[in-house]
C-alpha atoms as a PDB file:
ATOM      1  CA  MET A   1      27.076  13.884 -10.253  1.00  0.00           C
ATOM      2  CA  ASN A   2      24.728  11.474  -7.998  1.00  0.00           C
ATOM      3  CA  THR A   3      27.013   8.502  -8.965  1.00  0.00           C
ATOM      4  CA  LYS A   4      30.512  10.642  -7.114  1.00  0.00           C
ATOM      5  CA  TYR A   5      28.016  12.009  -4.683  1.00  0.00           C
ATOM      6  CA  ALA A   6      26.639   8.291  -3.688  1.00  0.00           C
ATOM      7  CA  THR A   7      30.077   6.553  -3.911  1.00  0.00           C
ATOM      8  CA  ALA A   8      31.676   9.145  -1.524  1.00  0.00           C
ATOM      9  CA  LEU A   9      28.678   8.500   1.083  1.00  0.00           C
ATOM     10  CA  LYS A  10      29.718   4.686   0.291  1.00  0.00           C
ATOM     11  CA  LEU A  11      26.058   4.513   0.220  1.00  0.00           C
ATOM     12  CA  ASP A  12      24.409   0.739  -0.690  1.00  0.00           C
ATOM     13  CA  TYR A  13      21.228   2.144  -2.758  1.00  0.00           C
ATOM     14  CA  PRO A  14      20.780   4.493  -5.750  1.00  0.00           C
ATOM     15  CA  ILE A  15      19.873   7.998  -5.699  1.00  0.00           C
ATOM     16  CA  LEU A  16      17.959  10.029  -8.456  1.00  0.00           C
ATOM     17  CA  SER A  17      18.795  13.168 -10.263  1.00  0.00           C
ATOM     18  CA  ASP A  18      15.531  15.346 -11.412  1.00  0.00           C
ATOM     19  CA  PRO A  19      16.738  18.035 -13.063  1.00  0.00           C
ATOM     20  CA  LYS A  20      13.292  17.849 -15.343  1.00  0.00           C
ATOM     21  CA  LYS A  21      11.089  17.472 -12.334  1.00  0.00           C
ATOM     22  CA  THR A  22       9.504  14.845 -14.309  1.00  0.00           C
ATOM     23  CA  THR A  23       9.631  11.988 -11.158  1.00  0.00           C
ATOM     24  CA  ALA A  24       8.938  14.647  -8.629  1.00  0.00           C
ATOM     25  CA  LYS A  25       5.710  15.529 -10.556  1.00  0.00           C
ATOM     26  CA  ALA A  26       4.606  12.013 -10.845  1.00  0.00           C
ATOM     27  CA  TYR A  27       4.846  11.784  -6.914  1.00  0.00           C
ATOM     28  CA  GLY A  28       2.694  14.688  -6.856  1.00  0.00           C
ATOM     29  CA  VAL A  29       5.677  16.599  -4.846  1.00  0.00           C
ATOM     30  CA  VAL A  30       5.545  19.428  -7.501  1.00  0.00           C
ATOM     31  CA  HIS A  31       2.513  20.561  -8.386  1.00  0.00           C
ATOM     32  CA  GLU A  32       0.934  23.887  -9.146  1.00  0.00           C
ATOM     33  CA  LYS A  33       0.902  25.490  -5.437  1.00  0.00           C
ATOM     34  CA  ARG A  34       4.844  24.170  -5.267  1.00  0.00           C
ATOM     35  CA  SER A  35       7.264  24.608  -8.145  1.00  0.00           C
ATOM     36  CA  ASN A  36      10.032  23.107  -5.637  1.00  0.00           C
ATOM     37  CA  PRO A  37       9.327  19.944  -4.467  1.00  0.00           C
ATOM     38  CA  GLU A  38       7.756  18.686  -0.730  1.00  0.00           C
ATOM     39  CA  ARG A  39       9.920  17.148   1.912  1.00  0.00           C
ATOM     40  CA  TRP A  40       8.606  14.097   1.580  1.00  0.00           C
ATOM     41  CA  THR A  41      10.138  10.472   2.163  1.00  0.00           C
ATOM     42  CA  PHE A  42       8.886   7.338   0.152  1.00  0.00           C
ATOM     43  CA  PHE A  43       9.344   3.593   1.329  1.00  0.00           C
ATOM     44  CA  ILE A  44       9.521   2.034  -1.593  1.00  0.00           C
ATOM     45  CA  ASP A  45       9.588  -2.189  -1.310  1.00  0.00           C
ATOM     46  CA  LYS A  46      10.918  -4.699  -3.567  1.00  0.00           C
ATOM     47  CA  THR A  47       8.421  -4.827  -5.668  1.00  0.00           C
ATOM     48  CA  GLY A  48       8.453  -1.047  -6.494  1.00  0.00           C
ATOM     49  CA  THR A  49       5.405  -0.806  -4.348  1.00  0.00           C
ATOM     50  CA  ILE A  50       4.813   2.415  -2.203  1.00  0.00           C
ATOM     51  CA  ALA A  51       4.417   0.868   1.307  1.00  0.00           C
ATOM     52  CA  HIS A  52       4.793   4.228   3.096  1.00  0.00           C
ATOM     53  CA  ILE A  53       4.812   8.190   2.487  1.00  0.00           C
ATOM     54  CA  ASP A  54       5.809  10.079   5.325  1.00  0.00           C
ATOM     55  CA  LYS A  55       4.572  13.941   3.916  1.00  0.00           C
ATOM     56  CA  LYS A  56       5.708  15.598   7.454  1.00  0.00           C
ATOM     57  CA  VAL A  57       9.210  14.794   7.683  1.00  0.00           C
ATOM     58  CA  LYS A  58      11.348  16.626  10.182  1.00  0.00           C
ATOM     59  CA  PRO A  59      15.107  16.981   9.646  1.00  0.00           C
ATOM     60  CA  ALA A  60      16.649  16.680  12.644  1.00  0.00           C
ATOM     61  CA  SER A  61      14.990  13.382  13.506  1.00  0.00           C
ATOM     62  CA  HIS A  62      14.751  12.066  10.130  1.00  0.00           C
ATOM     63  CA  GLY A  63      17.102   9.375  10.723  1.00  0.00           C
ATOM     64  CA  ALA A  64      15.735   8.049  13.675  1.00  0.00           C
ATOM     65  CA  ASP A  65      12.050   8.594  11.988  1.00  0.00           C
ATOM     66  CA  VAL A  66      13.370   6.455   8.669  1.00  0.00           C
ATOM     67  CA  ALA A  67      15.022   3.536  10.942  1.00  0.00           C
ATOM     68  CA  ALA A  68      11.885   3.555  13.024  1.00  0.00           C
ATOM     69  CA  LYS A  69       9.748   3.287   9.902  1.00  0.00           C
ATOM     70  CA  LEU A  70      11.637   1.286   8.346  1.00  0.00           C
ATOM     71  CA  ASP A  71      11.234  -1.494  11.600  1.00  0.00           C
ATOM     72  CA  GLU A  72       7.550  -1.081  11.590  1.00  0.00           C
ATOM     73  CA  LEU A  73       7.544  -2.431   8.072  1.00  0.00           C
ATOM     74  CA  GLY A  74       9.381  -4.871   8.827  1.00  0.00           C
ATOM     75  CA  VAL A  75      12.525  -4.726   6.543  1.00  0.00           C
ATOM     76  CA  ALA A  76      15.894  -6.273   7.857  1.00  0.00           C
ATOM     77  CA  LYS A  77      18.614  -4.495   9.774  1.00  0.00           C
ATOM     78  CA  LYS A  78      22.044  -4.917   7.926  1.00  0.00           C
END
């Protein structure tokens, strides 16, 4: 399902399907106080290291916020 979704959006990065919430639990976005994931964005570098976590996602400005953080982290623009 995610493959078709990613293709339809012409994404150039992988997206994750996590129906059992295994990854969400590992990242701490699902926990005993919250069964639905927190809305956080993880910026993961090429080595797999978490470079930054945005725990205050604002949907209205998130695209611009992500672009600004990527610039701040020195990620090259395409």
